[in-house]
């Protein structure tokens, strides 16, 4: 797996996008700044391996961020949000102050999504040896009931809600 990731991360002519980089990470922080710093370190390492002068160019990093914003716009926005963002000019730096918080929220939600999915997969892998046992059945029932109670989907059966039971 490490060799495959190495090939994906450093085998192309251009560095991979932030979202693709996030998918390949074993641990994703909920702090967006940490993720962006780690991605920047990946870009710098990619640059040093490729022996290019990209890390010295602010234009290169600006183009990476603009591509990230466009990718987020296409893949992770609603129609209403997309109408607003599509008309935005990313080349004017003084206008970026108004749109950056929107993309920070999107990036945070993406990072949280990957964290939640990874935690769920770890739990599923840990539960595989117990599949079909009493412990597994009890845990599954407990999880279903707790999820229903937390989400408010639990059925309320009582005199007022179900008069036919009287």
N, C-alpha and C. Protein backbone atom coordinates (compact mmCIF):
# COMPACT_ATOMS: atom_id res chain seq x y z
N UNK A 1 0.83 -1.20 0.00
CA UNK A 1 0.00 0.00 0.00
C UNK A 1 0.87 1.25 0.00
N UNK A 2 1.96 1.22 0.75
CA UNK A 2 2.85 2.38 0.80
C UNK A 2 3.45 2.67 -0.57
N UNK A 3 3.84 1.61 -1.30
CA UNK A 3 4.40 1.80 -2.63
C UNK A 3 3.35 2.38 -3.58
N UNK A 4 2.12 1.92 -3.46
CA UNK A 4 1.04 2.45 -4.29
C UNK A 4 0.81 3.92 -4.00
N UNK A 5 0.76 4.27 -2.70
CA UNK A 5 0.59 5.68 -2.33
C UNK A 5 1.76 6.53 -2.82
N UNK A 6 2.97 6.02 -2.68
CA UNK A 6 4.15 6.74 -3.17
C UNK A 6 4.02 7.01 -4.66
N UNK A 7 3.60 6.01 -5.41
CA UNK A 7 3.45 6.16 -6.85
C UNK A 7 2.36 7.18 -7.18
N UNK A 8 1.26 7.13 -6.44
CA UNK A 8 0.17 8.08 -6.69
C UNK A 8 0.60 9.49 -6.31
N UNK A 9 1.26 9.62 -5.15
CA UNK A 9 1.63 10.95 -4.65
C UNK A 9 2.73 11.61 -5.47
N UNK A 10 3.72 10.82 -5.88
CA UNK A 10 4.90 11.42 -6.49
C UNK A 10 5.16 10.96 -7.92
N UNK A 11 4.30 10.13 -8.48
CA UNK A 11 4.56 9.58 -9.80
C UNK A 11 4.05 10.39 -10.97
N UNK A 12 3.33 11.47 -10.71
CA UNK A 12 2.76 12.23 -11.82
C UNK A 12 3.56 13.50 -12.08
N UNK A 13 3.21 14.16 -13.17
CA UNK A 13 3.89 15.40 -13.55
C UNK A 13 3.44 16.59 -12.71
N UNK A 14 2.27 16.47 -12.12
CA UNK A 14 1.76 17.52 -11.25
C UNK A 14 1.35 16.89 -9.92
N UNK A 15 1.37 17.64 -8.84
CA UNK A 15 0.93 17.08 -7.57
C UNK A 15 -0.57 16.80 -7.59
N UNK A 16 -1.02 15.87 -6.77
CA UNK A 16 -2.44 15.55 -6.75
C UNK A 16 -3.19 16.67 -6.03
N UNK A 17 -4.48 16.73 -6.24
CA UNK A 17 -5.30 17.78 -5.64
C UNK A 17 -5.46 17.54 -4.14
N UNK A 18 -5.87 18.56 -3.44
CA UNK A 18 -6.04 18.48 -1.99
C UNK A 18 -7.03 17.38 -1.61
N UNK A 19 -8.15 17.30 -2.31
CA UNK A 19 -9.17 16.30 -1.97
C UNK A 19 -8.66 14.88 -2.22
N UNK A 20 -7.94 14.67 -3.31
CA UNK A 20 -7.36 13.35 -3.56
C UNK A 20 -6.30 13.03 -2.52
N UNK A 21 -5.55 14.02 -2.11
CA UNK A 21 -4.53 13.83 -1.07
C UNK A 21 -5.20 13.43 0.25
N UNK A 22 -6.34 14.07 0.57
CA UNK A 22 -7.06 13.74 1.80
C UNK A 22 -7.51 12.29 1.81
N UNK A 23 -7.98 11.80 0.66
CA UNK A 23 -8.45 10.42 0.57
C UNK A 23 -7.32 9.42 0.84
N UNK A 24 -6.10 9.77 0.52
CA UNK A 24 -4.97 8.85 0.69
C UNK A 24 -4.37 8.88 2.09
N UNK A 25 -4.76 9.83 2.91
CA UNK A 25 -4.15 9.96 4.23
C UNK A 25 -4.75 8.96 5.21
N UNK A 26 -3.87 8.38 6.05
CA UNK A 26 -4.33 7.43 7.07
C UNK A 26 -5.06 8.15 8.18
N UNK A 27 -4.62 9.35 8.52
CA UNK A 27 -5.23 10.14 9.59
C UNK A 27 -5.50 11.54 9.04
N UNK A 28 -6.73 11.99 9.21
CA UNK A 28 -7.10 13.33 8.78
C UNK A 28 -7.49 14.12 10.01
N UNK A 29 -6.86 15.25 10.20
CA UNK A 29 -7.15 16.10 11.35
C UNK A 29 -8.45 16.86 11.12
N UNK A 30 -9.14 17.17 12.21
CA UNK A 30 -10.34 17.99 12.08
C UNK A 30 -9.99 19.47 11.96
N UNK A 31 -8.73 19.81 12.25
CA UNK A 31 -8.25 21.18 12.12
C UNK A 31 -7.82 21.41 10.67
N UNK A 32 -8.51 22.28 9.99
CA UNK A 32 -8.25 22.51 8.57
C UNK A 32 -6.86 23.06 8.34
N UNK A 33 -6.37 23.90 9.25
CA UNK A 33 -5.03 24.48 9.07
C UNK A 33 -3.96 23.40 9.10
N UNK A 34 -4.12 22.40 9.98
CA UNK A 34 -3.17 21.29 10.03
C UNK A 34 -3.17 20.53 8.72
N UNK A 35 -4.35 20.27 8.18
CA UNK A 35 -4.45 19.57 6.89
C UNK A 35 -3.81 20.38 5.77
N UNK A 36 -4.07 21.67 5.76
CA UNK A 36 -3.48 22.51 4.71
C UNK A 36 -1.96 22.59 4.85
N UNK A 37 -1.46 22.65 6.10
CA UNK A 37 0.00 22.64 6.30
C UNK A 37 0.62 21.32 5.84
N UNK A 38 -0.05 20.22 6.15
CA UNK A 38 0.45 18.91 5.71
C UNK A 38 0.43 18.80 4.19
N UNK A 39 -0.62 19.33 3.56
CA UNK A 39 -0.69 19.31 2.10
C UNK A 39 0.42 20.18 1.50
N UNK A 40 0.66 21.32 2.12
CA UNK A 40 1.75 22.19 1.64
C UNK A 40 3.10 21.46 1.76
N UNK A 41 3.30 20.73 2.86
CA UNK A 41 4.53 19.93 3.01
C UNK A 41 4.63 18.87 1.92
N UNK A 42 3.49 18.24 1.57
CA UNK A 42 3.49 17.28 0.47
C UNK A 42 3.91 17.97 -0.83
N UNK A 43 3.36 19.15 -1.09
CA UNK A 43 3.71 19.88 -2.31
C UNK A 43 5.20 20.19 -2.33
N UNK A 44 5.74 20.62 -1.21
CA UNK A 44 7.17 20.94 -1.14
C UNK A 44 8.02 19.68 -1.34
N UNK A 45 7.59 18.56 -0.76
CA UNK A 45 8.33 17.31 -0.97
C UNK A 45 8.23 16.85 -2.42
N UNK A 46 7.03 16.99 -2.99
CA UNK A 46 6.85 16.63 -4.40
C UNK A 46 7.78 17.49 -5.27
N UNK A 47 7.83 18.77 -4.94
CA UNK A 47 8.68 19.70 -5.68
C UNK A 47 10.15 19.32 -5.57
N UNK A 48 10.59 18.96 -4.37
CA UNK A 48 12.00 18.60 -4.19
C UNK A 48 12.33 17.30 -4.92
N UNK A 49 11.38 16.36 -4.96
CA UNK A 49 11.62 15.10 -5.69
C UNK A 49 11.66 15.32 -7.20
N UNK A 50 10.86 16.25 -7.66
CA UNK A 50 10.80 16.52 -9.10
C UNK A 50 11.85 17.54 -9.54
N UNK A 51 12.54 18.14 -8.57
CA UNK A 51 13.58 19.14 -8.85
C UNK A 51 13.06 20.29 -9.69
N UNK A 52 11.91 20.80 -9.30
CA UNK A 52 11.35 21.96 -10.01
C UNK A 52 11.46 23.17 -9.10
N UNK A 53 11.14 24.29 -9.63
CA UNK A 53 11.21 25.53 -8.84
C UNK A 53 9.82 25.99 -8.43
N UNK A 54 8.86 25.06 -8.39
CA UNK A 54 7.49 25.44 -8.09
C UNK A 54 7.33 25.98 -6.68
N UNK A 55 8.08 25.43 -5.72
CA UNK A 55 7.90 25.86 -4.34
C UNK A 55 8.31 27.31 -4.14
N UNK A 56 9.08 27.84 -5.05
CA UNK A 56 9.52 29.22 -4.93
C UNK A 56 8.54 30.18 -5.61
N UNK A 57 7.52 29.64 -6.20
CA UNK A 57 6.59 30.45 -6.97
C UNK A 57 5.24 30.57 -6.26
N UNK A 58 4.89 31.79 -5.87
CA UNK A 58 3.58 32.03 -5.26
C UNK A 58 2.46 31.79 -6.26
N UNK A 59 2.72 32.03 -7.53
CA UNK A 59 1.71 31.81 -8.55
C UNK A 59 1.29 30.34 -8.60
N UNK A 60 2.24 29.45 -8.40
CA UNK A 60 1.92 28.03 -8.41
C UNK A 60 0.96 27.68 -7.27
N UNK A 61 1.26 28.16 -6.06
CA UNK A 61 0.39 27.89 -4.92
C UNK A 61 -0.97 28.56 -5.09
N UNK A 62 -0.98 29.74 -5.65
CA UNK A 62 -2.26 30.41 -5.92
C UNK A 62 -3.09 29.58 -6.89
N UNK A 63 -2.47 29.05 -7.92
CA UNK A 63 -3.21 28.24 -8.88
C UNK A 63 -3.72 26.95 -8.24
N UNK A 64 -2.94 26.37 -7.31
CA UNK A 64 -3.42 25.18 -6.59
C UNK A 64 -4.66 25.50 -5.77
N UNK A 65 -4.64 26.61 -5.06
CA UNK A 65 -5.79 26.99 -4.25
C UNK A 65 -7.00 27.32 -5.12
N UNK A 66 -6.78 27.99 -6.21
CA UNK A 66 -7.89 28.30 -7.12
C UNK A 66 -8.49 27.02 -7.67
N UNK A 67 -7.63 26.06 -8.05
CA UNK A 67 -8.14 24.77 -8.52
C UNK A 67 -8.91 24.04 -7.43
N UNK A 68 -8.42 24.12 -6.19
CA UNK A 68 -9.13 23.51 -5.07
C UNK A 68 -10.50 24.15 -4.90
N UNK A 69 -10.57 25.47 -4.94
CA UNK A 69 -11.85 26.16 -4.80
C UNK A 69 -12.81 25.77 -5.92
N UNK A 70 -12.30 25.67 -7.13
CA UNK A 70 -13.16 25.27 -8.25
C UNK A 70 -13.64 23.83 -8.10
N UNK A 71 -12.76 22.95 -7.62
CA UNK A 71 -13.15 21.55 -7.41
C UNK A 71 -14.20 21.45 -6.30
N UNK A 72 -14.02 22.21 -5.24
CA UNK A 72 -15.02 22.23 -4.17
C UNK A 72 -16.36 22.76 -4.69
N UNK A 73 -16.29 23.77 -5.53
CA UNK A 73 -17.51 24.35 -6.10
C UNK A 73 -18.27 23.33 -6.92
N UNK A 74 -17.56 22.58 -7.74
CA UNK A 74 -18.21 21.61 -8.61
C UNK A 74 -18.75 20.42 -7.82
N UNK A 75 -17.97 19.91 -6.88
CA UNK A 75 -18.32 18.65 -6.24
C UNK A 75 -19.06 18.76 -4.91
N UNK A 76 -18.98 19.90 -4.22
CA UNK A 76 -19.48 19.94 -2.85
C UNK A 76 -20.37 21.15 -2.55
N UNK A 77 -21.00 21.71 -3.54
CA UNK A 77 -21.88 22.85 -3.28
C UNK A 77 -23.27 22.54 -3.79
N UNK A 78 -24.24 23.21 -3.19
CA UNK A 78 -25.61 23.11 -3.66
C UNK A 78 -25.77 24.03 -4.88
N UNK A 79 -26.89 23.92 -5.54
CA UNK A 79 -27.14 24.77 -6.71
C UNK A 79 -27.10 26.25 -6.35
N UNK A 80 -27.69 26.57 -5.20
CA UNK A 80 -27.73 27.97 -4.77
C UNK A 80 -26.33 28.50 -4.47
N UNK A 81 -25.54 27.70 -3.75
CA UNK A 81 -24.17 28.10 -3.46
C UNK A 81 -23.35 28.20 -4.73
N UNK A 82 -23.57 27.28 -5.64
CA UNK A 82 -22.81 27.26 -6.89
C UNK A 82 -23.07 28.52 -7.72
N UNK A 83 -24.31 28.99 -7.73
CA UNK A 83 -24.62 30.20 -8.48
C UNK A 83 -23.84 31.39 -7.95
N UNK A 84 -23.66 31.44 -6.64
CA UNK A 84 -22.91 32.54 -6.03
C UNK A 84 -21.42 32.41 -6.33
N UNK A 85 -20.87 31.20 -6.18
CA UNK A 85 -19.43 30.99 -6.29
C UNK A 85 -18.95 31.04 -7.74
N UNK A 86 -19.76 30.58 -8.67
CA UNK A 86 -19.35 30.55 -10.07
C UNK A 86 -19.07 31.96 -10.59
N UNK A 87 -19.80 32.93 -10.11
CA UNK A 87 -19.61 34.31 -10.56
C UNK A 87 -18.48 35.03 -9.85
N UNK A 88 -17.81 34.35 -8.95
CA UNK A 88 -16.76 34.97 -8.16
C UNK A 88 -15.43 34.94 -8.91
N UNK A 89 -14.69 36.05 -8.85
CA UNK A 89 -13.39 36.15 -9.51
C UNK A 89 -12.28 35.85 -8.50
N UNK A 90 -11.64 34.68 -8.64
CA UNK A 90 -10.62 34.24 -7.69
C UNK A 90 -9.28 34.95 -7.90
N UNK A 91 -9.13 35.65 -8.98
CA UNK A 91 -7.85 36.30 -9.25
C UNK A 91 -7.69 37.62 -8.48
N UNK A 92 -8.76 38.19 -8.02
CA UNK A 92 -8.68 39.44 -7.26
C UNK A 92 -8.56 39.11 -5.78
N UNK A 93 -7.38 39.34 -5.24
CA UNK A 93 -7.09 38.93 -3.86
C UNK A 93 -7.90 39.71 -2.83
N UNK A 94 -8.25 40.94 -3.10
CA UNK A 94 -9.01 41.70 -2.10
C UNK A 94 -10.44 41.18 -1.96
N UNK A 95 -10.95 40.49 -2.97
CA UNK A 95 -12.30 39.92 -2.90
C UNK A 95 -12.32 38.56 -2.20
N UNK A 96 -11.17 37.95 -2.03
CA UNK A 96 -11.12 36.60 -1.45
C UNK A 96 -11.54 36.57 0.01
N UNK A 97 -11.43 37.68 0.72
CA UNK A 97 -11.82 37.72 2.14
C UNK A 97 -13.28 37.32 2.34
N UNK A 98 -14.11 37.61 1.38
CA UNK A 98 -15.53 37.30 1.53
C UNK A 98 -15.86 35.84 1.23
N UNK A 99 -15.04 35.15 0.43
CA UNK A 99 -15.36 33.78 0.03
C UNK A 99 -14.57 32.72 0.81
N UNK A 100 -13.44 33.09 1.38
CA UNK A 100 -12.59 32.13 2.10
C UNK A 100 -13.34 31.44 3.25
N UNK A 101 -14.11 32.14 4.09
CA UNK A 101 -14.83 31.43 5.16
C UNK A 101 -15.78 30.35 4.64
N UNK A 102 -16.39 30.58 3.50
CA UNK A 102 -17.27 29.58 2.89
C UNK A 102 -16.49 28.30 2.59
N UNK A 103 -15.32 28.45 1.97
CA UNK A 103 -14.52 27.28 1.62
C UNK A 103 -13.90 26.62 2.85
N UNK A 104 -13.60 27.39 3.86
CA UNK A 104 -13.09 26.80 5.11
C UNK A 104 -14.15 25.89 5.72
N UNK A 105 -15.40 26.34 5.73
CA UNK A 105 -16.48 25.50 6.26
C UNK A 105 -16.64 24.23 5.43
N UNK A 106 -16.54 24.35 4.12
CA UNK A 106 -16.64 23.17 3.24
C UNK A 106 -15.51 22.20 3.52
N UNK A 107 -14.28 22.71 3.66
CA UNK A 107 -13.13 21.84 3.92
C UNK A 107 -13.25 21.17 5.29
N UNK A 108 -13.74 21.89 6.28
CA UNK A 108 -13.94 21.30 7.61
C UNK A 108 -14.94 20.16 7.53
N UNK A 109 -16.03 20.38 6.83
CA UNK A 109 -17.05 19.33 6.73
C UNK A 109 -16.52 18.11 5.97
N UNK A 110 -15.69 18.32 4.97
CA UNK A 110 -15.10 17.20 4.24
C UNK A 110 -14.15 16.42 5.15
N UNK A 111 -13.32 17.12 5.91
CA UNK A 111 -12.40 16.46 6.85
C UNK A 111 -13.16 15.68 7.91
N UNK A 112 -14.22 16.26 8.44
CA UNK A 112 -15.03 15.55 9.43
C UNK A 112 -15.69 14.31 8.82
N UNK A 113 -16.13 14.42 7.58
CA UNK A 113 -16.73 13.28 6.90
C UNK A 113 -15.72 12.13 6.79
N UNK A 114 -14.49 12.44 6.36
CA UNK A 114 -13.47 11.39 6.24
C UNK A 114 -13.12 10.80 7.61
N UNK A 115 -13.05 11.63 8.64
CA UNK A 115 -12.79 11.11 9.98
C UNK A 115 -13.87 10.15 10.43
N UNK A 116 -15.12 10.52 10.21
CA UNK A 116 -16.25 9.68 10.61
C UNK A 116 -16.23 8.36 9.85
N UNK A 117 -15.99 8.42 8.56
CA UNK A 117 -15.96 7.19 7.76
C UNK A 117 -14.80 6.29 8.19
N UNK A 118 -13.65 6.85 8.47
CA UNK A 118 -12.50 6.05 8.92
C UNK A 118 -12.78 5.40 10.27
N UNK A 119 -13.38 6.15 11.18
CA UNK A 119 -13.72 5.58 12.48
C UNK A 119 -14.71 4.43 12.33
N UNK A 120 -15.69 4.61 11.46
CA UNK A 120 -16.67 3.54 11.21
C UNK A 120 -16.01 2.30 10.62
N UNK A 121 -15.07 2.49 9.71
CA UNK A 121 -14.37 1.34 9.12
C UNK A 121 -13.51 0.63 10.16
N UNK A 122 -12.85 1.38 11.02
CA UNK A 122 -12.05 0.75 12.08
C UNK A 122 -12.92 -0.10 12.99
N UNK A 123 -14.09 0.42 13.32
CA UNK A 123 -15.00 -0.34 14.18
C UNK A 123 -15.49 -1.60 13.47
N UNK A 124 -15.81 -1.49 12.18
CA UNK A 124 -16.27 -2.66 11.43
C UNK A 124 -15.18 -3.72 11.35
N UNK A 125 -13.94 -3.31 11.13
CA UNK A 125 -12.84 -4.26 11.06
C UNK A 125 -12.63 -4.93 12.42
N UNK A 126 -12.75 -4.16 13.49
CA UNK A 126 -12.59 -4.72 14.84
C UNK A 126 -13.71 -5.70 15.17
N UNK A 127 -14.90 -5.50 14.62
CA UNK A 127 -16.05 -6.35 14.91
C UNK A 127 -16.13 -7.60 14.02
N UNK A 128 -15.34 -7.67 12.98
CA UNK A 128 -15.41 -8.80 12.05
C UNK A 128 -15.24 -10.16 12.73
N UNK A 129 -14.29 -10.34 13.66
CA UNK A 129 -14.16 -11.66 14.28
C UNK A 129 -15.37 -12.07 15.11
N UNK A 130 -16.16 -11.10 15.55
CA UNK A 130 -17.32 -11.38 16.40
C UNK A 130 -18.62 -11.55 15.62
N UNK A 131 -18.56 -11.46 14.32
CA UNK A 131 -19.75 -11.51 13.49
C UNK A 131 -20.52 -12.82 13.73
N UNK A 132 -21.80 -12.70 14.02
CA UNK A 132 -22.65 -13.86 14.26
C UNK A 132 -22.66 -14.35 15.69
N UNK A 133 -21.92 -13.71 16.56
CA UNK A 133 -21.89 -14.13 17.97
C UNK A 133 -22.92 -13.35 18.76
N UNK A 134 -23.16 -13.79 20.01
CA UNK A 134 -24.10 -13.08 20.89
C UNK A 134 -23.64 -11.65 21.12
N UNK A 135 -22.33 -11.46 21.29
CA UNK A 135 -21.78 -10.12 21.51
C UNK A 135 -22.11 -9.21 20.34
N UNK A 136 -21.95 -9.70 19.13
CA UNK A 136 -22.22 -8.91 17.93
C UNK A 136 -23.69 -8.54 17.84
N UNK A 137 -24.56 -9.47 18.15
CA UNK A 137 -26.00 -9.21 18.07
C UNK A 137 -26.40 -8.16 19.11
N UNK A 138 -25.88 -8.29 20.35
CA UNK A 138 -26.18 -7.32 21.39
C UNK A 138 -25.68 -5.93 21.00
N UNK A 139 -24.49 -5.87 20.46
CA UNK A 139 -23.90 -4.58 20.06
C UNK A 139 -24.72 -3.96 18.94
N UNK A 140 -25.14 -4.76 17.97
CA UNK A 140 -25.93 -4.25 16.85
C UNK A 140 -27.27 -3.70 17.34
N UNK A 141 -27.94 -4.44 18.22
CA UNK A 141 -29.23 -3.98 18.75
C UNK A 141 -29.04 -2.70 19.55
N UNK A 142 -28.02 -2.65 20.38
CA UNK A 142 -27.74 -1.47 21.19
C UNK A 142 -27.47 -0.26 20.28
N UNK A 143 -26.70 -0.47 19.23
CA UNK A 143 -26.37 0.62 18.30
C UNK A 143 -27.61 1.14 17.59
N UNK A 144 -28.47 0.23 17.14
CA UNK A 144 -29.69 0.63 16.44
C UNK A 144 -30.60 1.43 17.37
N UNK A 145 -30.77 0.95 18.59
CA UNK A 145 -31.64 1.64 19.54
C UNK A 145 -31.08 3.01 19.89
N UNK A 146 -29.77 3.08 20.18
CA UNK A 146 -29.17 4.37 20.52
C UNK A 146 -29.24 5.35 19.36
N UNK A 147 -29.02 4.88 18.14
CA UNK A 147 -29.12 5.75 16.97
C UNK A 147 -30.54 6.30 16.82
N UNK A 148 -31.54 5.44 17.04
CA UNK A 148 -32.93 5.90 16.93
C UNK A 148 -33.28 6.91 18.02
N UNK A 149 -32.80 6.67 19.23
CA UNK A 149 -33.08 7.60 20.33
C UNK A 149 -32.41 8.94 20.08
N UNK A 150 -31.14 8.92 19.64
CA UNK A 150 -30.41 10.16 19.39
C UNK A 150 -31.00 10.94 18.23
N UNK A 151 -31.49 10.26 17.21
CA UNK A 151 -32.04 10.96 16.04
C UNK A 151 -33.49 11.37 16.24
N UNK A 152 -34.14 10.85 17.27
CA UNK A 152 -35.54 11.20 17.51
C UNK A 152 -36.50 10.37 16.70
N UNK A 153 -36.06 9.29 16.09
CA UNK A 153 -36.92 8.45 15.26
C UNK A 153 -37.62 7.35 16.05
N UNK A 154 -37.41 7.29 17.34
CA UNK A 154 -38.01 6.24 18.15
C UNK A 154 -39.53 6.44 18.15
N UNK A 155 -40.25 5.38 17.99
CA UNK A 155 -41.72 5.45 17.96
C UNK A 155 -42.25 5.70 19.37
N UNK A 156 -43.16 6.62 19.47
CA UNK A 156 -43.80 6.91 20.76
C UNK A 156 -45.13 6.18 20.81
N UNK A 157 -45.20 5.19 21.67
CA UNK A 157 -46.45 4.44 21.81
C UNK A 157 -47.03 4.77 23.18
N UNK A 158 -48.16 5.31 23.19
CA UNK A 158 -48.83 5.68 24.43
C UNK A 158 -50.30 5.89 24.20
N UNK A 159 -50.98 6.30 25.22
CA UNK A 159 -52.43 6.47 25.10
C UNK A 159 -52.79 7.56 24.09
N UNK A 160 -52.07 8.66 24.12
CA UNK A 160 -52.42 9.78 23.24
C UNK A 160 -52.07 9.47 21.79
N UNK A 161 -50.94 8.77 21.57
CA UNK A 161 -50.50 8.52 20.20
C UNK A 161 -51.21 7.30 19.59
N UNK A 162 -51.61 6.36 20.40
CA UNK A 162 -52.18 5.12 19.89
C UNK A 162 -53.42 4.74 20.70
N UNK A 163 -54.55 5.38 20.47
CA UNK A 163 -55.76 5.12 21.27
C UNK A 163 -56.32 3.73 21.08
N UNK A 164 -55.95 3.00 20.02
CA UNK A 164 -56.48 1.67 19.79
C UNK A 164 -55.95 0.65 20.80
N UNK A 165 -54.89 1.02 21.52
CA UNK A 165 -54.32 0.10 22.50
C UNK A 165 -55.10 0.12 23.81
N UNK A 166 -56.06 1.03 23.97
CA UNK A 166 -56.83 1.14 25.22
C UNK A 166 -57.76 0.01 25.42
